[in-house]
Amino acid sequence: ILGQVIHSALQEYFAPFIGGIYDPPRDNDPGRLFGLFLENLNRSPLSILGPEKRFFIEEVVRYRLEKFLQEMREPVNILALEREISLKLELLGTEWNFSGRIDRIDLRKGIRVIVDYKTGRPERRRSFPTMADFTPPKDLHYEQLREINRKVPDLQLQLYVLLLTRGEDSELGRTTASYLNLAEGNREMEFFLIKPQDLAREERRRTWIKWSREGFPKLLQYLLRHILESPFYFRATEEEYCRFCEYEPSCHYAW
């Protein structure tokens, strides 16, 4: 819930700059941003928290939001906020509708950057896979899932790129995505699928386009097969995440 409150505050804060330039030295206003956070907090279920817990949350969020703005140094051309996207893909002989909501879309030196806010700590994975000619495993076993998890940097951001570009080469060649880690201020570089400067390198860009348009849909198809056809229900490939799962009480791996 706290993450939703922060997301809403950031959306309202940047809303006046959609289609224009947000210039940090001129436009940074930590007081306004924190005020929007408090307004959203008061409208959320967290409004019933006791004074001690509320004080702690407010001070931690105040510090992180101030640090977030302090580390915004370059002007940002904001194209969109909270953009709803969807795309129908033909996979496994059936049409599937994928959808998502993008927190922010920037234009940076001709490169379109999908930005996804994270209030936790996303795992640092520094590059997209080089397996543009990805061939799905034949088996639907647990070890195949673990191997894919080791190789593929991220599913969420990669899916956003595919949905926004609709798999068109010209759009893929100028689109990347990154998590923006609010827990550490305004850090992005560790979380880019492919760095914007790498899209200017012809060979790198071609590999990125081929993976995004051909390899990644094959991966999605394999994961759908795993969900629908696997003879067993496997535990999470990152087992420590199980403790955050709402289905943990009824999962036999937790017994």
C-alpha atoms as a PDB file:
ATOM      1  CA  ILE A   1       0.000   0.000   0.000  1.00  0.00           C
ATOM      2  CA  LEU A   2       2.821   2.406   0.827  1.00  0.00           C
ATOM      3  CA  GLY A   3       4.279   1.877  -2.635  1.00  0.00           C
ATOM      4  CA  GLN A   4       0.926   2.787  -4.200  1.00  0.00           C
ATOM      5  CA  VAL A   5       0.774   5.952  -2.115  1.00  0.00           C
ATOM      6  CA  ILE A   6       4.254   7.011  -3.267  1.00  0.00           C
ATOM      7  CA  HIS A   7       3.436   6.180  -6.897  1.00  0.00           C
ATOM      8  CA  SER A   8       0.316   8.346  -6.737  1.00  0.00           C
ATOM      9  CA  ALA A   9       2.249  11.248  -5.231  1.00  0.00           C
ATOM     10  CA  LEU A  10       4.907  11.060  -7.956  1.00  0.00           C
ATOM     11  CA  GLN A  11       2.259  10.893 -10.683  1.00  0.00           C
ATOM     12  CA  GLU A  12       0.555  14.030  -9.360  1.00  0.00           C
ATOM     13  CA  TYR A  13       3.886  15.790  -8.857  1.00  0.00           C
ATOM     14  CA  PHE A  14       5.071  15.313 -12.454  1.00  0.00           C
ATOM     15  CA  ALA A  15       1.633  15.705 -14.076  1.00  0.00           C
ATOM     16  CA  PRO A  16       2.057  19.456 -14.871  1.00  0.00           C
ATOM     17  CA  PHE A  17       5.168  18.624 -16.925  1.00  0.00           C
ATOM     18  CA  ILE A  18       3.670  16.029 -19.308  1.00  0.00           C
ATOM     19  CA  GLY A  19       4.708  16.937 -22.840  1.00  0.00           C
ATOM     20  CA  GLY A  20       7.300  19.401 -21.586  1.00  0.00           C
ATOM     21  CA  ILE A  21      10.653  19.650 -19.819  1.00  0.00           C
ATOM     22  CA  TYR A  22      11.167  19.080 -16.117  1.00  0.00           C
ATOM     23  CA  ASP A  23      14.313  21.034 -15.218  1.00  0.00           C
ATOM     24  CA  PRO A  24      15.524  20.007 -11.724  1.00  0.00           C
ATOM     25  CA  PRO A  25      17.313  23.259 -10.742  1.00  0.00           C
ATOM     26  CA  ARG A  26      14.177  25.192 -11.642  1.00  0.00           C
ATOM     27  CA  ASP A  27      11.375  22.752 -10.845  1.00  0.00           C
ATOM     28  CA  ASN A  28      12.494  20.657  -7.865  1.00  0.00           C
ATOM     29  CA  ASP A  29      10.016  21.251  -5.040  1.00  0.00           C
ATOM     30  CA  PRO A  30      10.458  18.706  -2.217  1.00  0.00           C
ATOM     31  CA  GLY A  31       7.831  20.444  -0.079  1.00  0.00           C
ATOM     32  CA  ARG A  32       5.172  20.046  -2.780  1.00  0.00           C
ATOM     33  CA  LEU A  33       6.112  16.415  -3.393  1.00  0.00           C
ATOM     34  CA  PHE A  34       5.972  15.519   0.295  1.00  0.00           C
ATOM     35  CA  GLY A  35       2.683  17.377   0.649  1.00  0.00           C
ATOM     36  CA  LEU A  36       1.205  15.265  -2.161  1.00  0.00           C
ATOM     37  CA  PHE A  37       2.476  12.165  -0.381  1.00  0.00           C
ATOM     38  CA  LEU A  38       0.725  13.202   2.846  1.00  0.00           C
ATOM     39  CA  GLU A  39      -2.534  13.862   0.968  1.00  0.00           C
ATOM     40  CA  ASN A  40      -2.424  10.394  -0.614  1.00  0.00           C
ATOM     41  CA  LEU A  41      -1.418   8.826   2.701  1.00  0.00           C
ATOM     42  CA  ASN A  42      -4.460  10.368   4.397  1.00  0.00           C
ATOM     43  CA  ARG A  43      -6.733   8.904   1.703  1.00  0.00           C
ATOM     44  CA  SER A  44      -5.223   5.416   2.025  1.00  0.00           C
ATOM     45  CA  PRO A  45      -5.856   2.582   4.521  1.00  0.00           C
ATOM     46  CA  LEU A  46      -2.572   3.590   6.178  1.00  0.00           C
ATOM     47  CA  SER A  47      -4.298   6.669   7.584  1.00  0.00           C
ATOM     48  CA  ILE A  48      -5.379   4.587  10.590  1.00  0.00           C
ATOM     49  CA  LEU A  49      -1.805   3.883  11.682  1.00  0.00           C
ATOM     50  CA  GLY A  50      -0.820   4.900  15.181  1.00  0.00           C
ATOM     51  CA  PRO A  51       1.242   8.083  15.656  1.00  0.00           C
ATOM     52  CA  GLU A  52       4.561   6.264  16.227  1.00  0.00           C
ATOM     53  CA  LYS A  53       4.353   4.149  13.073  1.00  0.00           C
ATOM     54  CA  ARG A  54       3.067   7.068  11.039  1.00  0.00           C
ATOM     55  CA  PHE A  55       5.917   9.312  12.224  1.00  0.00           C
ATOM     56  CA  PHE A  56       8.467   6.683  11.206  1.00  0.00           C
ATOM     57  CA  ILE A  57       6.918   6.208   7.750  1.00  0.00           C
ATOM     58  CA  GLU A  58       6.673   9.939   7.119  1.00  0.00           C
ATOM     59  CA  GLU A  59      10.288  10.613   8.063  1.00  0.00           C
ATOM     60  CA  VAL A  60      11.660   7.745   5.965  1.00  0.00           C
ATOM     61  CA  VAL A  61       9.597   8.750   2.919  1.00  0.00           C
ATOM     62  CA  ARG A  62      10.480  12.432   3.359  1.00  0.00           C
ATOM     63  CA  TYR A  63      14.183  11.557   3.324  1.00  0.00           C
ATOM     64  CA  ARG A  64      13.897   9.293   0.263  1.00  0.00           C
ATOM     65  CA  LEU A  65      11.817  11.740  -1.755  1.00  0.00           C
ATOM     66  CA  GLU A  66      14.179  14.619  -0.970  1.00  0.00           C
ATOM     67  CA  LYS A  67      17.142  12.478  -1.993  1.00  0.00           C
ATOM     68  CA  PHE A  68      15.288  11.432  -5.154  1.00  0.00           C
ATOM     69  CA  LEU A  69      14.876  15.065  -6.199  1.00  0.00           C
ATOM     70  CA  GLN A  70      18.420  16.024  -5.196  1.00  0.00           C
ATOM     71  CA  GLU A  71      19.838  13.399  -7.526  1.00  0.00           C
ATOM     72  CA  MET A  72      17.721  14.560 -10.484  1.00  0.00           C
ATOM     73  CA  ARG A  73      20.310  16.749 -12.203  1.00  0.00           C
ATOM     74  CA  GLU A  74      19.543  16.572 -15.928  1.00  0.00           C
ATOM     75  CA  PRO A  75      16.413  18.015 -17.601  1.00  0.00           C
ATOM     76  CA  VAL A  76      13.798  15.364 -18.364  1.00  0.00           C
ATOM     77  CA  ASN A  77      11.361  15.432 -21.286  1.00  0.00           C
ATOM     78  CA  ILE A  78       8.316  13.645 -19.853  1.00  0.00           C
ATOM     79  CA  LEU A  79       6.164  12.071 -22.564  1.00  0.00           C
ATOM     80  CA  ALA A  80       3.598  10.281 -20.396  1.00  0.00           C
ATOM     81  CA  LEU A  81       2.659   9.187 -16.878  1.00  0.00           C
ATOM     82  CA  GLU A  82       0.645   6.117 -15.841  1.00  0.00           C
ATOM     83  CA  ARG A  83       0.282   5.024 -19.476  1.00  0.00           C
ATOM     84  CA  GLU A  84      -2.026   2.040 -19.959  1.00  0.00           C
ATOM     85  CA  ILE A  85      -0.722  -0.290 -22.670  1.00  0.00           C
ATOM     86  CA  SER A  86      -1.926  -3.570 -24.164  1.00  0.00           C
ATOM     87  CA  LEU A  87      -1.094  -5.868 -27.049  1.00  0.00           C
ATOM     88  CA  LYS A  88      -2.532  -9.106 -28.416  1.00  0.00           C
ATOM     89  CA  LEU A  89       0.021 -11.790 -29.229  1.00  0.00           C
ATOM     90  CA  GLU A  90      -0.467 -15.090 -31.016  1.00  0.00           C
ATOM     91  CA  LEU A  91       1.164 -17.718 -28.787  1.00  0.00           C
ATOM     92  CA  LEU A  92       0.543 -21.470 -28.562  1.00  0.00           C
ATOM     93  CA  GLY A  93      -2.001 -21.136 -31.353  1.00  0.00           C
ATOM     94  CA  THR A  94      -4.142 -18.811 -29.225  1.00  0.00           C
ATOM     95  CA  GLU A  95      -4.496 -15.049 -29.009  1.00  0.00           C
ATOM     96  CA  TRP A  96      -3.383 -13.659 -25.648  1.00  0.00           C
ATOM     97  CA  ASN A  97      -3.994 -10.126 -24.411  1.00  0.00           C
ATOM     98  CA  PHE A  98      -1.084  -8.655 -22.409  1.00  0.00           C
ATOM     99  CA  SER A  99      -1.472  -5.343 -20.625  1.00  0.00           C
ATOM    100  CA  GLY A 100       0.358  -3.133 -18.168  1.00  0.00           C
ATOM    101  CA  ARG A 101       0.692   0.355 -16.758  1.00  0.00           C
ATOM    102  CA  ILE A 102       3.912   2.311 -17.215  1.00  0.00           C
ATOM    103  CA  ASP A 103       4.807   4.742 -14.430  1.00  0.00           C
ATOM    104  CA  ARG A 104       6.642   7.233 -16.653  1.00  0.00           C
ATOM    105  CA  ILE A 105       7.975   7.552 -20.204  1.00  0.00           C
ATOM    106  CA  ASP A 106      10.874   9.931 -20.881  1.00  0.00           C
ATOM    107  CA  LEU A 107      12.539  11.103 -24.065  1.00  0.00           C
ATOM    108  CA  ARG A 108      16.302  11.381 -23.600  1.00  0.00           C
ATOM    109  CA  LYS A 109      18.449  12.433 -26.552  1.00  0.00           C
ATOM    110  CA  GLY A 110      16.088  10.733 -28.974  1.00  0.00           C
ATOM    111  CA  ILE A 111      15.798   7.551 -26.906  1.00  0.00           C
ATOM    112  CA  ARG A 112      12.480   6.671 -25.299  1.00  0.00           C
ATOM    113  CA  VAL A 113      12.962   5.377 -21.740  1.00  0.00           C
ATOM    114  CA  ILE A 114      10.282   3.464 -19.855  1.00  0.00           C
ATOM    115  CA  VAL A 115      10.685   4.234 -16.145  1.00  0.00           C
ATOM    116  CA  ASP A 116       9.250   1.969 -13.450  1.00  0.00           C
ATOM    117  CA  TYR A 117       9.422   3.200  -9.859  1.00  0.00           C
ATOM    118  CA  LYS A 118      10.553   0.697  -7.246  1.00  0.00           C
ATOM    119  CA  THR A 119      10.196   1.369  -3.533  1.00  0.00           C
ATOM    120  CA  GLY A 120      12.006  -1.883  -2.721  1.00  0.00           C
ATOM    121  CA  ARG A 121      15.378  -3.028  -3.989  1.00  0.00           C
ATOM    122  CA  PRO A 122      15.270  -4.487  -7.510  1.00  0.00           C
ATOM    123  CA  GLU A 123      17.985  -6.969  -8.301  1.00  0.00           C
ATOM    124  CA  ARG A 124      20.919  -5.523 -10.228  1.00  0.00           C
ATOM    125  CA  ARG A 125      21.205  -7.176 -13.618  1.00  0.00           C
ATOM    126  CA  ARG A 126      23.197  -5.075 -16.017  1.00  0.00           C
ATOM    127  CA  SER A 127      22.320  -6.222 -19.522  1.00  0.00           C
ATOM    128  CA  PHE A 128      19.711  -7.909 -21.652  1.00  0.00           C
ATOM    129  CA  PRO A 129      20.396 -11.493 -22.732  1.00  0.00           C
ATOM    130  CA  THR A 130      22.554 -12.101 -25.782  1.00  0.00           C
ATOM    131  CA  MET A 131      20.372 -15.049 -26.800  1.00  0.00           C
ATOM    132  CA  ALA A 132      18.611 -13.344 -29.720  1.00  0.00           C
ATOM    133  CA  ASP A 133      18.218 -16.819 -31.263  1.00  0.00           C
ATOM    134  CA  PHE A 134      16.595 -18.135 -28.085  1.00  0.00           C
ATOM    135  CA  THR A 135      15.222 -21.664 -28.383  1.00  0.00           C
ATOM    136  CA  PRO A 136      12.840 -22.707 -25.581  1.00  0.00           C
ATOM    137  CA  PRO A 137      13.747 -25.847 -23.612  1.00  0.00           C
ATOM    138  CA  LYS A 138      11.841 -28.983 -24.543  1.00  0.00           C
ATOM    139  CA  ASP A 139      11.205 -30.015 -20.959  1.00  0.00           C
ATOM    140  CA  LEU A 140       8.901 -28.346 -18.441  1.00  0.00           C
ATOM    141  CA  HIS A 141      11.092 -29.040 -15.425  1.00  0.00           C
ATOM    142  CA  TYR A 142      12.165 -26.878 -12.523  1.00  0.00           C
ATOM    143  CA  GLU A 143      15.801 -26.658 -13.603  1.00  0.00           C
ATOM    144  CA  GLN A 144      14.776 -25.158 -16.940  1.00  0.00           C
ATOM    145  CA  LEU A 145      12.933 -22.403 -15.084  1.00  0.00           C
ATOM    146  CA  ARG A 146      15.971 -21.719 -12.921  1.00  0.00           C
ATOM    147  CA  GLU A 147      18.215 -21.528 -15.979  1.00  0.00           C
ATOM    148  CA  ILE A 148      15.920 -19.018 -17.668  1.00  0.00           C
ATOM    149  CA  ASN A 149      15.819 -16.966 -14.481  1.00  0.00           C
ATOM    150  CA  ARG A 150      19.628 -16.832 -14.489  1.00  0.00           C
ATOM    151  CA  LYS A 151      19.829 -15.732 -18.129  1.00  0.00           C
ATOM    152  CA  VAL A 152      16.944 -13.299 -18.570  1.00  0.00           C
ATOM    153  CA  PRO A 153      17.441  -9.912 -16.894  1.00  0.00           C
ATOM    154  CA  ASP A 154      13.792  -9.062 -16.364  1.00  0.00           C
ATOM    155  CA  LEU A 155      10.315  -9.992 -17.562  1.00  0.00           C
ATOM    156  CA  GLN A 156       8.297  -6.943 -16.500  1.00  0.00           C
ATOM    157  CA  LEU A 157      10.399  -4.260 -18.193  1.00  0.00           C
ATOM    158  CA  GLN A 158      10.953  -6.391 -21.277  1.00  0.00           C
ATOM    159  CA  LEU A 159       7.196  -6.923 -21.607  1.00  0.00           C
ATOM    160  CA  TYR A 160       6.593  -3.177 -21.275  1.00  0.00           C
ATOM    161  CA  VAL A 161       9.025  -2.549 -24.139  1.00  0.00           C
ATOM    162  CA  LEU A 162       7.235  -5.079 -26.340  1.00  0.00           C
ATOM    163  CA  LEU A 163       3.794  -3.671 -25.515  1.00  0.00           C
ATOM    164  CA  LEU A 164       4.778  -0.041 -26.070  1.00  0.00           C
ATOM    165  CA  THR A 165       6.649  -0.653 -29.336  1.00  0.00           C
ATOM    166  CA  ARG A 166       4.216  -3.326 -30.600  1.00  0.00           C
ATOM    167  CA  GLY A 167       7.290  -5.214 -31.774  1.00  0.00           C
ATOM    168  CA  GLU A 168       8.102  -2.701 -34.536  1.00  0.00           C
ATOM    169  CA  ASP A 169      11.811  -2.570 -35.384  1.00  0.00           C
ATOM    170  CA  SER A 170      11.950   1.224 -35.687  1.00  0.00           C
ATOM    171  CA  GLU A 171      10.376   1.654 -32.238  1.00  0.00           C
ATOM    172  CA  LEU A 172      12.428  -1.086 -30.560  1.00  0.00           C
ATOM    173  CA  GLY A 173      15.593   0.554 -31.871  1.00  0.00           C
ATOM    174  CA  ARG A 174      14.873   3.687 -29.858  1.00  0.00           C
ATOM    175  CA  THR A 175      13.249   2.256 -26.729  1.00  0.00           C
ATOM    176  CA  THR A 176      14.695   0.919 -23.504  1.00  0.00           C
ATOM    177  CA  ALA A 177      13.472   0.577 -19.914  1.00  0.00           C
ATOM    178  CA  SER A 178      14.793   0.962 -16.403  1.00  0.00           C
ATOM    179  CA  TYR A 179      13.785   0.606 -12.796  1.00  0.00           C
ATOM    180  CA  LEU A 180      14.204   3.787 -10.785  1.00  0.00           C
ATOM    181  CA  ASN A 181      15.185   2.745  -7.282  1.00  0.00           C
ATOM    182  CA  LEU A 182      13.522   5.131  -4.836  1.00  0.00           C
ATOM    183  CA  ALA A 183      15.087   3.289  -1.915  1.00  0.00           C
ATOM    184  CA  GLU A 184      18.482   4.569  -3.051  1.00  0.00           C
ATOM    185  CA  GLY A 185      17.519   8.029  -4.247  1.00  0.00           C
ATOM    186  CA  ASN A 186      17.392   8.243  -8.029  1.00  0.00           C
ATOM    187  CA  ARG A 187      19.622   5.408  -9.184  1.00  0.00           C
ATOM    188  CA  GLU A 188      18.941   3.939 -12.597  1.00  0.00           C
ATOM    189  CA  MET A 189      22.091   2.833 -14.368  1.00  0.00           C
ATOM    190  CA  GLU A 190      22.259  -0.581 -12.702  1.00  0.00           C
ATOM    191  CA  PHE A 191      18.737  -1.412 -13.844  1.00  0.00           C
ATOM    192  CA  PHE A 192      18.624  -0.541 -17.571  1.00  0.00           C
ATOM    193  CA  LEU A 193      17.677  -3.431 -19.856  1.00  0.00           C
ATOM    194  CA  ILE A 194      20.003  -1.868 -22.432  1.00  0.00           C
ATOM    195  CA  LYS A 195      21.716   1.473 -21.839  1.00  0.00           C
ATOM    196  CA  PRO A 196      20.592   4.308 -24.124  1.00  0.00           C
ATOM    197  CA  GLN A 197      24.109   4.820 -25.476  1.00  0.00           C
ATOM    198  CA  ASP A 198      24.252   1.160 -26.542  1.00  0.00           C
ATOM    199  CA  LEU A 199      21.275   1.712 -28.844  1.00  0.00           C
ATOM    200  CA  ALA A 200      23.543   3.987 -30.897  1.00  0.00           C
ATOM    201  CA  ARG A 201      25.814   1.007 -31.667  1.00  0.00           C
ATOM    202  CA  GLU A 202      24.503  -0.743 -34.779  1.00  0.00           C
ATOM    203  CA  GLU A 203      25.407  -4.319 -33.850  1.00  0.00           C
ATOM    204  CA  ARG A 204      24.139  -3.933 -30.298  1.00  0.00           C
ATOM    205  CA  ARG A 205      20.895  -2.351 -31.481  1.00  0.00           C
ATOM    206  CA  ARG A 206      20.250  -5.138 -34.003  1.00  0.00           C
ATOM    207  CA  THR A 207      20.761  -7.797 -31.342  1.00  0.00           C
ATOM    208  CA  TRP A 208      18.398  -5.939 -29.010  1.00  0.00           C
ATOM    209  CA  ILE A 209      15.714  -5.687 -31.712  1.00  0.00           C
ATOM    210  CA  LYS A 210      15.988  -9.366 -32.640  1.00  0.00           C
ATOM    211  CA  TRP A 211      15.796 -10.492 -29.017  1.00  0.00           C
ATOM    212  CA  SER A 212      12.842  -8.204 -28.229  1.00  0.00           C
ATOM    213  CA  ARG A 213      10.871  -9.102 -31.358  1.00  0.00           C
ATOM    214  CA  GLU A 214      11.709 -12.810 -31.699  1.00  0.00           C
ATOM    215  CA  GLY A 215      13.496 -14.252 -28.661  1.00  0.00           C
ATOM    216  CA  PHE A 216      11.334 -12.729 -25.942  1.00  0.00           C
ATOM    217  CA  PRO A 217       7.976 -13.834 -27.443  1.00  0.00           C
ATOM    218  CA  LYS A 218       9.391 -17.375 -27.632  1.00  0.00           C
ATOM    219  CA  LEU A 219      10.235 -17.104 -23.947  1.00  0.00           C
ATOM    220  CA  LEU A 220       6.708 -15.903 -23.141  1.00  0.00           C
ATOM    221  CA  GLN A 221       5.324 -18.870 -25.058  1.00  0.00           C
ATOM    222  CA  TYR A 222       7.499 -21.280 -23.076  1.00  0.00           C
ATOM    223  CA  LEU A 223       6.402 -19.762 -19.760  1.00  0.00           C
ATOM    224  CA  LEU A 224       2.752 -20.058 -20.779  1.00  0.00           C
ATOM    225  CA  ARG A 225       3.361 -23.725 -21.631  1.00  0.00           C
ATOM    226  CA  HIS A 226       4.924 -24.180 -18.213  1.00  0.00           C
ATOM    227  CA  ILE A 227       1.881 -22.671 -16.506  1.00  0.00           C
ATOM    228  CA  LEU A 228      -0.641 -24.650 -18.538  1.00  0.00           C
ATOM    229  CA  GLU A 229       1.066 -27.989 -19.156  1.00  0.00           C
ATOM    230  CA  SER A 230       3.638 -28.643 -16.450  1.00  0.00           C
ATOM    231  CA  PRO A 231       2.800 -31.890 -14.583  1.00  0.00           C
ATOM    232  CA  PHE A 232       3.962 -30.412 -11.256  1.00  0.00           C
ATOM    233  CA  TYR A 233       3.544 -27.179  -9.322  1.00  0.00           C
ATOM    234  CA  PHE A 234       7.076 -25.905  -8.717  1.00  0.00           C
ATOM    235  CA  ARG A 235       8.333 -23.605  -5.994  1.00  0.00           C
ATOM    236  CA  ALA A 236       9.606 -20.116  -6.911  1.00  0.00           C
ATOM    237  CA  THR A 237      12.969 -20.007  -8.683  1.00  0.00           C
ATOM    238  CA  GLU A 238      13.974 -17.328  -6.160  1.00  0.00           C
ATOM    239  CA  GLU A 239      12.912 -19.198  -3.049  1.00  0.00           C
ATOM    240  CA  GLU A 240      13.338 -16.296  -0.626  1.00  0.00           C
ATOM    241  CA  TYR A 241      10.440 -14.545  -2.398  1.00  0.00           C
ATOM    242  CA  CYS A 242       8.028 -17.219  -1.193  1.00  0.00           C
ATOM    243  CA  ARG A 243       7.779 -15.556   2.203  1.00  0.00           C
ATOM    244  CA  PHE A 244       6.159 -12.492   0.606  1.00  0.00           C
ATOM    245  CA  CYS A 245       3.553 -14.490  -1.328  1.00  0.00           C
ATOM    246  CA  GLU A 246      -0.101 -14.143  -0.295  1.00  0.00           C
ATOM    247  CA  TYR A 247      -0.652 -17.806  -1.193  1.00  0.00           C
ATOM    248  CA  GLU A 248       2.139 -19.040   1.090  1.00  0.00           C
ATOM    249  CA  PRO A 249      -0.282 -20.378   3.772  1.00  0.00           C
ATOM    250  CA  SER A 250      -1.883 -22.795   1.296  1.00  0.00           C
ATOM    251  CA  CYS A 251       1.247 -23.743  -0.674  1.00  0.00           C
ATOM    252  CA  HIS A 252       2.581 -27.200   0.075  1.00  0.00           C
ATOM    253  CA  TYR A 253       6.169 -25.953  -0.321  1.00  0.00           C
ATOM    254  CA  ALA A 254       5.614 -23.855   2.812  1.00  0.00           C
ATOM    255  CA  TRP A 255       4.508 -26.841   4.924  1.00  0.00           C
END
